Amino acid sequence: MHPQSTTMFKLRSLSYAASASLLMLAQSAAFAEPAQNLVFGGVQVAAKSSYAYAAAIMPFSDAALGRGWYQKTLLSWSNYRYDGTLDGNTAEIKAAAPGIEAGFGHAWGDENSGIDLSATLGYRYIRLTPAAPVGDNSGNSFSLTPQVQARTKLSTATEGELLVNYAIGPSNLFARARLAWLPAAGWRTGIEGVWQDEPNYAVSKQGLFVSKALNNRMVLELSAGQAKPQKDSASAYIGMAISSVY
């Protein structure tokens, strides 16, 4: 795996987690009272990486979650490590990458289907220690990321979801599809597949997820699976996300 690709993969994985949670959690609160806000956060850990994020979605005064215009803001922190080359020798590189994203979106939908279009501007500072290998990304990083999310009921107990975004600047494409089963009121579980394509790098991911409404304002989701880079061995991941409306 190219070291620079490793760096960008970890950062794009972070954006994926937030975006994926956004769709699931926003649906859990959709069709709420006008101008009701959504806050959510989560963590994900793997063999050589971990990250956490917190975010808010705030509908405009004449809109509601799942319908109309909204503003969204995301704060995040990522830590990861990989093997790089320093002074001709292989060394473990450790990275810390705090970031912020903010933007606007518009959602259309009802209980059976919906679509959401949005765009965010992002800034991240990538710090590599003990030093940055030649060609690896470090320091300031900026992005513009348009995104589309869609969902539809396939039957009374199944749903399909699709999320696609493209980060202009890093030149990264991300796509995720989910098939969800609703076994009982407040429960959702199913399978997901992810494809991520970057310069000199690609990865596919397959996993399972389950979510439970804790009450009429909070939802908890757990996920786990396997990520397989094109030119590297597979690794497992596990994650958690929680949301609340207010």
C-alpha atoms as a PDB file:
ATOM      1  CA  MET A   1       0.000   0.000   0.000  1.00  0.00           C
ATOM      2  CA  HIS A   2       1.322   3.447  -0.857  1.00  0.00           C
ATOM      3  CA  PRO A   3       1.926   5.414   2.394  1.00  0.00           C
ATOM      4  CA  GLN A   4       0.152   8.504   1.112  1.00  0.00           C
ATOM      5  CA  SER A   5      -2.864   6.385   0.178  1.00  0.00           C
ATOM      6  CA  THR A   6      -2.887   4.945   3.694  1.00  0.00           C
ATOM      7  CA  THR A   7      -3.098   8.457   5.108  1.00  0.00           C
ATOM      8  CA  MET A   8      -5.987   9.503   2.893  1.00  0.00           C
ATOM      9  CA  PHE A   9      -7.831   6.204   3.425  1.00  0.00           C
ATOM     10  CA  LYS A  10      -7.962   6.735   7.186  1.00  0.00           C
ATOM     11  CA  LEU A  11      -9.281  10.281   6.752  1.00  0.00           C
ATOM     12  CA  ARG A  12     -11.886   9.263   4.208  1.00  0.00           C
ATOM     13  CA  SER A  13     -12.947   6.393   6.485  1.00  0.00           C
ATOM     14  CA  LEU A  14     -13.691   9.042   9.088  1.00  0.00           C
ATOM     15  CA  SER A  15     -15.842  11.016   6.658  1.00  0.00           C
ATOM     16  CA  TYR A  16     -17.656   7.811   5.756  1.00  0.00           C
ATOM     17  CA  ALA A  17     -18.521   7.005   9.352  1.00  0.00           C
ATOM     18  CA  ALA A  18     -20.003  10.414   9.933  1.00  0.00           C
ATOM     19  CA  SER A  19     -21.944  10.376   6.660  1.00  0.00           C
ATOM     20  CA  ALA A  20     -23.269   6.877   7.178  1.00  0.00           C
ATOM     21  CA  SER A  21     -24.403   7.718  10.684  1.00  0.00           C
ATOM     22  CA  LEU A  22     -25.971  10.917   9.388  1.00  0.00           C
ATOM     23  CA  LEU A  23     -28.332   9.006   7.100  1.00  0.00           C
ATOM     24  CA  MET A  24     -29.368   6.414   9.692  1.00  0.00           C
ATOM     25  CA  LEU A  25     -29.739   8.872  12.549  1.00  0.00           C
ATOM     26  CA  ALA A  26     -31.529  11.524  10.524  1.00  0.00           C
ATOM     27  CA  GLN A  27     -34.045   8.888   9.438  1.00  0.00           C
ATOM     28  CA  SER A  28     -34.650   7.968  13.062  1.00  0.00           C
ATOM     29  CA  ALA A  29     -35.713  11.542  13.776  1.00  0.00           C
ATOM     30  CA  ALA A  30     -37.316  12.329  10.422  1.00  0.00           C
ATOM     31  CA  PHE A  31     -40.744  13.925  10.312  1.00  0.00           C
ATOM     32  CA  ALA A  32     -40.198  15.532  13.708  1.00  0.00           C
ATOM     33  CA  GLU A  33     -41.516  18.935  14.661  1.00  0.00           C
ATOM     34  CA  PRO A  34     -40.263  21.853  12.514  1.00  0.00           C
ATOM     35  CA  ALA A  35     -36.802  23.175  13.429  1.00  0.00           C
ATOM     36  CA  GLN A  36     -36.078  20.237  15.774  1.00  0.00           C
ATOM     37  CA  ASN A  37     -32.290  19.680  15.851  1.00  0.00           C
ATOM     38  CA  LEU A  38     -30.282  16.446  15.703  1.00  0.00           C
ATOM     39  CA  VAL A  39     -26.954  15.819  17.455  1.00  0.00           C
ATOM     40  CA  PHE A  40     -24.938  12.638  17.062  1.00  0.00           C
ATOM     41  CA  GLY A  41     -21.531  11.204  17.779  1.00  0.00           C
ATOM     42  CA  GLY A  42     -19.604   8.000  17.435  1.00  0.00           C
ATOM     43  CA  VAL A  43     -16.358   6.080  17.558  1.00  0.00           C
ATOM     44  CA  GLN A  44     -14.774   3.402  15.396  1.00  0.00           C
ATOM     45  CA  VAL A  45     -11.699   1.294  16.140  1.00  0.00           C
ATOM     46  CA  ALA A  46      -9.599  -1.050  14.023  1.00  0.00           C
ATOM     47  CA  ALA A  47      -6.199  -2.712  14.331  1.00  0.00           C
ATOM     48  CA  LYS A  48      -4.160   0.410  13.517  1.00  0.00           C
ATOM     49  CA  SER A  49      -6.635   3.253  13.746  1.00  0.00           C
ATOM     50  CA  SER A  50      -9.306   4.886  15.858  1.00  0.00           C
ATOM     51  CA  TYR A  51     -11.452   7.970  15.506  1.00  0.00           C
ATOM     52  CA  ALA A  52     -14.266   9.864  17.125  1.00  0.00           C
ATOM     53  CA  TYR A  53     -16.697  12.500  15.902  1.00  0.00           C
ATOM     54  CA  ALA A  54     -19.529  14.729  17.071  1.00  0.00           C
ATOM     55  CA  ALA A  55     -21.954  16.552  14.807  1.00  0.00           C
ATOM     56  CA  ALA A  56     -25.141  18.592  14.644  1.00  0.00           C
ATOM     57  CA  ILE A  57     -27.864  19.033  12.018  1.00  0.00           C
ATOM     58  CA  MET A  58     -29.971  22.159  12.388  1.00  0.00           C
ATOM     59  CA  PRO A  59     -32.978  22.626  10.082  1.00  0.00           C
ATOM     60  CA  PHE A  60     -33.909  26.114   9.001  1.00  0.00           C
ATOM     61  CA  SER A  61     -36.820  27.673  10.881  1.00  0.00           C
ATOM     62  CA  ASP A  62     -39.401  26.650   8.245  1.00  0.00           C
ATOM     63  CA  ALA A  63     -38.011  23.100   7.772  1.00  0.00           C
ATOM     64  CA  ALA A  64     -37.896  19.808   9.729  1.00  0.00           C
ATOM     65  CA  LEU A  65     -35.483  16.899   9.965  1.00  0.00           C
ATOM     66  CA  GLY A  66     -35.823  14.911   6.762  1.00  0.00           C
ATOM     67  CA  ARG A  67     -37.607  17.746   4.922  1.00  0.00           C
ATOM     68  CA  GLY A  68     -36.272  21.098   3.769  1.00  0.00           C
ATOM     69  CA  TRP A  69     -33.038  23.050   4.175  1.00  0.00           C
ATOM     70  CA  TYR A  70     -30.579  22.414   6.999  1.00  0.00           C
ATOM     71  CA  GLN A  71     -27.095  23.294   8.207  1.00  0.00           C
ATOM     72  CA  LYS A  72     -24.630  20.643   9.390  1.00  0.00           C
ATOM     73  CA  THR A  73     -21.363  20.820  11.330  1.00  0.00           C
ATOM     74  CA  LEU A  74     -18.913  18.015  12.152  1.00  0.00           C
ATOM     75  CA  LEU A  75     -15.938  17.919  14.526  1.00  0.00           C
ATOM     76  CA  SER A  76     -13.643  14.900  14.370  1.00  0.00           C
ATOM     77  CA  TRP A  77     -10.376  13.414  15.576  1.00  0.00           C
ATOM     78  CA  SER A  78      -8.496  10.549  13.944  1.00  0.00           C
ATOM     79  CA  ASN A  79      -5.442   8.585  15.114  1.00  0.00           C
ATOM     80  CA  TYR A  80      -3.709   5.943  13.009  1.00  0.00           C
ATOM     81  CA  ARG A  81      -0.315   4.403  12.310  1.00  0.00           C
ATOM     82  CA  TYR A  82       1.390   2.867   9.280  1.00  0.00           C
ATOM     83  CA  ASP A  83       4.813   1.900   7.959  1.00  0.00           C
ATOM     84  CA  GLY A  84       6.696   4.581   6.045  1.00  0.00           C
ATOM     85  CA  THR A  85      10.240   5.259   4.839  1.00  0.00           C
ATOM     86  CA  LEU A  86      12.466   7.689   6.737  1.00  0.00           C
ATOM     87  CA  ASP A  87      16.100   8.184   5.695  1.00  0.00           C
ATOM     88  CA  GLY A  88      15.972   4.967   3.710  1.00  0.00           C
ATOM     89  CA  ASN A  89      14.677   2.874   6.602  1.00  0.00           C
ATOM     90  CA  THR A  90      11.199   1.522   7.329  1.00  0.00           C
ATOM     91  CA  ALA A  91       9.652   3.184  10.385  1.00  0.00           C
ATOM     92  CA  GLU A  92       6.252   3.277  12.073  1.00  0.00           C
ATOM     93  CA  ILE A  93       4.554   6.608  11.424  1.00  0.00           C
ATOM     94  CA  LYS A  94       1.942   7.832  13.896  1.00  0.00           C
ATOM     95  CA  ALA A  95      -0.672  10.354  12.847  1.00  0.00           C
ATOM     96  CA  ALA A  96      -3.166  12.616  14.596  1.00  0.00           C
ATOM     97  CA  ALA A  97      -5.677  14.506  12.468  1.00  0.00           C
ATOM     98  CA  PRO A  98      -8.300  16.814  14.013  1.00  0.00           C
ATOM     99  CA  GLY A  99     -10.774  18.308  11.562  1.00  0.00           C
ATOM    100  CA  ILE A 100     -13.934  20.315  11.039  1.00  0.00           C
ATOM    101  CA  GLU A 101     -16.547  20.292   8.268  1.00  0.00           C
ATOM    102  CA  ALA A 102     -19.545  22.553   7.754  1.00  0.00           C
ATOM    103  CA  GLY A 103     -22.115  22.989   5.029  1.00  0.00           C
ATOM    104  CA  PHE A 104     -25.722  22.963   3.934  1.00  0.00           C
ATOM    105  CA  GLY A 105     -28.174  20.467   2.516  1.00  0.00           C
ATOM    106  CA  HIS A 106     -31.765  19.940   1.443  1.00  0.00           C
ATOM    107  CA  ALA A 107     -33.893  16.854   2.099  1.00  0.00           C
ATOM    108  CA  TRP A 108     -37.113  15.627   0.508  1.00  0.00           C
ATOM    109  CA  GLY A 109     -39.073  12.653   1.737  1.00  0.00           C
ATOM    110  CA  ASP A 110     -41.906  10.886   3.484  1.00  0.00           C
ATOM    111  CA  GLU A 111     -42.255   7.683   5.494  1.00  0.00           C
ATOM    112  CA  ASN A 112     -41.557   5.512   2.427  1.00  0.00           C
ATOM    113  CA  SER A 113     -38.652   7.201   0.632  1.00  0.00           C
ATOM    114  CA  GLY A 114     -36.357  10.186   0.690  1.00  0.00           C
ATOM    115  CA  ILE A 115     -33.398  11.906  -0.921  1.00  0.00           C
ATOM    116  CA  ASP A 116     -30.850  14.288   0.594  1.00  0.00           C
ATOM    117  CA  LEU A 117     -28.388  16.530  -1.276  1.00  0.00           C
ATOM    118  CA  SER A 118     -25.637  18.386   0.600  1.00  0.00           C
ATOM    119  CA  ALA A 119     -22.148  19.875   0.362  1.00  0.00           C
ATOM    120  CA  THR A 120     -19.525  20.658   2.993  1.00  0.00           C
ATOM    121  CA  LEU A 121     -16.261  22.557   3.190  1.00  0.00           C
ATOM    122  CA  GLY A 122     -13.661  20.787   5.305  1.00  0.00           C
ATOM    123  CA  TYR A 123     -10.369  21.583   7.009  1.00  0.00           C
ATOM    124  CA  ARG A 124      -8.034  19.108   8.682  1.00  0.00           C
ATOM    125  CA  TYR A 125      -4.565  19.355  10.190  1.00  0.00           C
ATOM    126  CA  ILE A 126      -2.514  16.173   9.762  1.00  0.00           C
ATOM    127  CA  ARG A 127       0.440  15.734  12.136  1.00  0.00           C
ATOM    128  CA  LEU A 128       2.866  12.882  11.461  1.00  0.00           C
ATOM    129  CA  THR A 129       5.511  11.732  13.961  1.00  0.00           C
ATOM    130  CA  PRO A 130       8.421  11.246  14.213  1.00  0.00           C
ATOM    131  CA  ALA A 131       8.441  12.906  10.759  1.00  0.00           C
ATOM    132  CA  ALA A 132       6.553  12.927   7.468  1.00  0.00           C
ATOM    133  CA  PRO A 133       7.905  10.507   4.826  1.00  0.00           C
ATOM    134  CA  VAL A 134       8.525  12.048   1.418  1.00  0.00           C
ATOM    135  CA  GLY A 135       5.259  12.238  -0.556  1.00  0.00           C
ATOM    136  CA  ASP A 136       2.944  11.722   2.419  1.00  0.00           C
ATOM    137  CA  ASN A 137       0.215  14.227   3.262  1.00  0.00           C
ATOM    138  CA  SER A 138       0.776  16.344   6.358  1.00  0.00           C
ATOM    139  CA  GLY A 139      -0.117  19.812   7.575  1.00  0.00           C
ATOM    140  CA  ASN A 140      -3.186  21.648   6.311  1.00  0.00           C
ATOM    141  CA  SER A 141      -5.752  19.844   4.148  1.00  0.00           C
ATOM    142  CA  PHE A 142      -8.888  21.355   2.550  1.00  0.00           C
ATOM    143  CA  SER A 143     -11.828  19.708   0.782  1.00  0.00           C
ATOM    144  CA  LEU A 144     -15.186  20.398  -0.863  1.00  0.00           C
ATOM    145  CA  THR A 145     -17.489  17.372  -0.655  1.00  0.00           C
ATOM    146  CA  PRO A 146     -20.850  17.166  -2.460  1.00  0.00           C
ATOM    147  CA  GLN A 147     -22.979  14.220  -1.344  1.00  0.00           C
ATOM    148  CA  VAL A 148     -26.229  12.451  -2.223  1.00  0.00           C
ATOM    149  CA  GLN A 149     -28.146  10.079   0.075  1.00  0.00           C
ATOM    150  CA  ALA A 150     -31.271   8.122  -0.811  1.00  0.00           C
ATOM    151  CA  ARG A 151     -33.529   5.605   0.891  1.00  0.00           C
ATOM    152  CA  THR A 152     -36.626   3.645  -0.052  1.00  0.00           C
ATOM    153  CA  LYS A 153     -38.913   1.036   1.504  1.00  0.00           C
ATOM    154  CA  LEU A 154     -38.706  -2.219  -0.419  1.00  0.00           C
ATOM    155  CA  SER A 155     -41.459  -3.857   1.649  1.00  0.00           C
ATOM    156  CA  THR A 156     -43.142  -3.336   5.001  1.00  0.00           C
ATOM    157  CA  ALA A 157     -40.086  -4.832   6.740  1.00  0.00           C
ATOM    158  CA  THR A 158     -37.118  -3.977   4.459  1.00  0.00           C
ATOM    159  CA  GLU A 159     -35.394  -0.782   3.342  1.00  0.00           C
ATOM    160  CA  GLY A 160     -32.644   0.087   0.875  1.00  0.00           C
ATOM    161  CA  GLU A 161     -30.140   2.929   1.330  1.00  0.00           C
ATOM    162  CA  LEU A 162     -27.468   4.500  -0.885  1.00  0.00           C
ATOM    163  CA  LEU A 163     -24.848   7.128  -0.032  1.00  0.00           C
ATOM    164  CA  VAL A 164     -22.327   8.583  -2.510  1.00  0.00           C
ATOM    165  CA  ASN A 165     -19.889  11.475  -2.097  1.00  0.00           C
ATOM    166  CA  TYR A 166     -16.819  12.871  -3.822  1.00  0.00           C
ATOM    167  CA  ALA A 167     -14.140  14.926  -2.066  1.00  0.00           C
ATOM    168  CA  ILE A 168     -12.794  17.597  -4.414  1.00  0.00           C
ATOM    169  CA  GLY A 169      -9.194  18.288  -3.506  1.00  0.00           C
ATOM    170  CA  PRO A 170      -8.194  14.796  -2.305  1.00  0.00           C
ATOM    171  CA  SER A 171     -10.048  13.372  -5.389  1.00  0.00           C
ATOM    172  CA  ASN A 172     -11.730  10.567  -3.463  1.00  0.00           C
ATOM    173  CA  LEU A 173     -14.931   8.723  -4.383  1.00  0.00           C
ATOM    174  CA  PHE A 174     -16.955   6.968  -1.690  1.00  0.00           C
ATOM    175  CA  ALA A 175     -20.101   4.821  -2.092  1.00  0.00           C
ATOM    176  CA  ARG A 176     -22.071   2.760   0.405  1.00  0.00           C
ATOM    177  CA  ALA A 177     -25.194   0.596   0.000  1.00  0.00           C
ATOM    178  CA  ARG A 178     -27.259  -0.890   2.809  1.00  0.00           C
ATOM    179  CA  LEU A 179     -30.086  -3.400   2.979  1.00  0.00           C
ATOM    180  CA  ALA A 180     -31.962  -3.089   6.269  1.00  0.00           C
ATOM    181  CA  TRP A 181     -34.513  -5.342   7.938  1.00  0.00           C
ATOM    182  CA  LEU A 182     -37.018  -3.983  10.477  1.00  0.00           C
ATOM    183  CA  PRO A 183     -37.810  -6.982  12.701  1.00  0.00           C
ATOM    184  CA  ALA A 184     -39.708  -5.027  15.365  1.00  0.00           C
ATOM    185  CA  ALA A 185     -40.658  -1.480  16.295  1.00  0.00           C
ATOM    186  CA  GLY A 186     -37.531   0.578  16.973  1.00  0.00           C
ATOM    187  CA  TRP A 187     -35.106  -2.034  15.595  1.00  0.00           C
ATOM    188  CA  ARG A 188     -33.099  -2.010  12.343  1.00  0.00           C
ATOM    189  CA  THR A 189     -30.474  -4.535  11.279  1.00  0.00           C
ATOM    190  CA  GLY A 190     -28.867  -5.559   8.036  1.00  0.00           C
ATOM    191  CA  ILE A 191     -25.819  -5.704   5.779  1.00  0.00           C
ATOM    192  CA  GLU A 192     -23.695  -3.031   4.163  1.00  0.00           C
ATOM    193  CA  GLY A 193     -21.179  -2.833   1.339  1.00  0.00           C
ATOM    194  CA  VAL A 194     -18.701  -0.012   0.796  1.00  0.00           C
ATOM    195  CA  TRP A 195     -16.464   0.945  -2.123  1.00  0.00           C
ATOM    196  CA  GLN A 196     -13.794   3.624  -1.857  1.00  0.00           C
ATOM    197  CA  ASP A 197     -11.625   4.728  -4.784  1.00  0.00           C
ATOM    198  CA  GLU A 198      -8.666   7.090  -4.459  1.00  0.00           C
ATOM    199  CA  PRO A 199      -5.565   7.859  -6.516  1.00  0.00           C
ATOM    200  CA  ASN A 200      -3.347   4.738  -6.319  1.00  0.00           C
ATOM    201  CA  TYR A 201      -5.675   3.031  -3.849  1.00  0.00           C
ATOM    202  CA  ALA A 202      -9.030   1.228  -3.541  1.00  0.00           C
ATOM    203  CA  VAL A 203     -10.777  -0.652  -0.727  1.00  0.00           C
ATOM    204  CA  SER A 204     -13.992  -2.620  -0.298  1.00  0.00           C
ATOM    205  CA  LYS A 205     -15.798  -3.175   2.987  1.00  0.00           C
ATOM    206  CA  GLN A 206     -18.513  -5.619   4.042  1.00  0.00           C
ATOM    207  CA  GLY A 207     -20.233  -5.530   7.401  1.00  0.00           C
ATOM    208  CA  LEU A 208     -23.294  -5.868   9.609  1.00  0.00           C
ATOM    209  CA  PHE A 209     -25.161  -3.260  11.617  1.00  0.00           C
ATOM    210  CA  VAL A 210     -27.937  -3.103  14.197  1.00  0.00           C
ATOM    211  CA  SER A 211     -29.697  -0.057  15.633  1.00  0.00           C
ATOM    212  CA  LYS A 212     -32.212   0.353  18.458  1.00  0.00           C
ATOM    213  CA  ALA A 213     -34.384   3.317  19.440  1.00  0.00           C
ATOM    214  CA  LEU A 214     -33.678   3.799  23.145  1.00  0.00           C
ATOM    215  CA  ASN A 215     -36.671   6.125  23.469  1.00  0.00           C
ATOM    216  CA  ASN A 216     -38.528   8.559  21.233  1.00  0.00           C
ATOM    217  CA  ARG A 217     -35.468  10.850  21.078  1.00  0.00           C
ATOM    218  CA  MET A 218     -32.367   8.618  21.080  1.00  0.00           C
ATOM    219  CA  VAL A 219     -31.014   5.896  18.774  1.00  0.00           C
ATOM    220  CA  LEU A 220     -27.982   3.635  19.281  1.00  0.00           C
ATOM    221  CA  GLU A 221     -26.212   1.842  16.416  1.00  0.00           C
ATOM    222  CA  LEU A 222     -23.479  -0.828  16.507  1.00  0.00           C
ATOM    223  CA  SER A 223     -21.565  -2.031  13.441  1.00  0.00           C
ATOM    224  CA  ALA A 224     -18.772  -4.478  12.644  1.00  0.00           C
ATOM    225  CA  GLY A 225     -17.165  -5.970   9.584  1.00  0.00           C
ATOM    226  CA  GLN A 226     -14.089  -6.386   7.435  1.00  0.00           C
ATOM    227  CA  ALA A 227     -12.220  -3.941   5.186  1.00  0.00           C
ATOM    228  CA  LYS A 228     -10.109  -5.317   2.306  1.00  0.00           C
ATOM    229  CA  PRO A 229      -7.704  -2.965   0.504  1.00  0.00           C
ATOM    230  CA  GLN A 230      -6.831  -3.969  -3.058  1.00  0.00           C
ATOM    231  CA  LYS A 231      -3.127  -4.368  -2.243  1.00  0.00           C
ATOM    232  CA  ASP A 232      -3.129  -5.252   1.458  1.00  0.00           C
ATOM    233  CA  SER A 233      -4.526  -7.802   3.903  1.00  0.00           C
ATOM    234  CA  ALA A 234      -8.032  -7.519   5.346  1.00  0.00           C
ATOM    235  CA  SER A 235      -8.672  -6.091   8.815  1.00  0.00           C
ATOM    236  CA  ALA A 236     -11.680  -5.988  11.134  1.00  0.00           C
ATOM    237  CA  TYR A 237     -13.479  -2.905  12.453  1.00  0.00           C
ATOM    238  CA  ILE A 238     -16.123  -2.201  15.096  1.00  0.00           C
ATOM    239  CA  GLY A 239     -18.085   1.002  15.656  1.00  0.00           C
ATOM    240  CA  MET A 240     -20.786   2.682  17.684  1.00  0.00           C
ATOM    241  CA  ALA A 241     -22.945   5.758  17.060  1.00  0.00           C
ATOM    242  CA  ILE A 242     -25.629   7.465  19.134  1.00  0.00           C
ATOM    243  CA  SER A 243     -28.033  10.281  18.279  1.00  0.00           C
ATOM    244  CA  SER A 244     -30.540  12.515  19.996  1.00  0.00           C
ATOM    245  CA  VAL A 245     -33.084  15.100  18.874  1.00  0.00           C
ATOM    246  CA  TYR A 246     -33.936  18.201  20.872  1.00  0.00           C
END
